[in-house]
């Protein structure tokens, strides 16, 4: 299936891009994150991230569909 992945903050820096179109066999955000961590060596894991599918918060166990847009949302620091 083909997915659009959007990256923010540290993940954007580590991937070296703000988004990409990806052909993958991942069925869930959990499987997708594992694939992307292998590719880009992301320092953040499932416990530190939230995931959104098509602009709605979702679960790492949700089933992905062809054409979905996925965003892994890193923690925000501020003050």
Foldseek 3Di string as FASTA:
>chain_A
DKEKEAEDDPRCVQVVHGIDIDDDPDFFLQSVVVVVCVVRVDPDDPVFWWKDKQNHTDDRGDTDDPYIYMYTHGDDDDD
